Amino acid sequence: MKLGPLVVIGVCLLIAFIGLTTQIFIFWKFLGGFTLECMAILGGFNILLGLLCYNFYLACSTDPGEVPPYWIACHFPLPSLYLA
């Protein structure tokens, strides 16, 4: 079994743990408990937290690609905007 998927799941769980415990122990009391305003703010925060986990998963699971077959490296310096 490969270790990579377990690491991705572990990091996503760590991100979720940090985000959710912050909500429960800090924001929940500061925003006044179970109110509609509190749920709206924390709902947006949870959506962003989910998107963070999803983007981390995509960054880890997407193939980065490869160098094209007939690619030749540039052997001369590129012009700099700061020299003009």
Foldseek 3Di string as FASTA:
>chain_A
DDCLVVVLVVVLVVLVVVQVVCCVPPVCVVVPHDDPVSCVVVVVVVVVSVVVSVVSVCVSPPDPDDDDPPDDDDPDDDDDPVVD
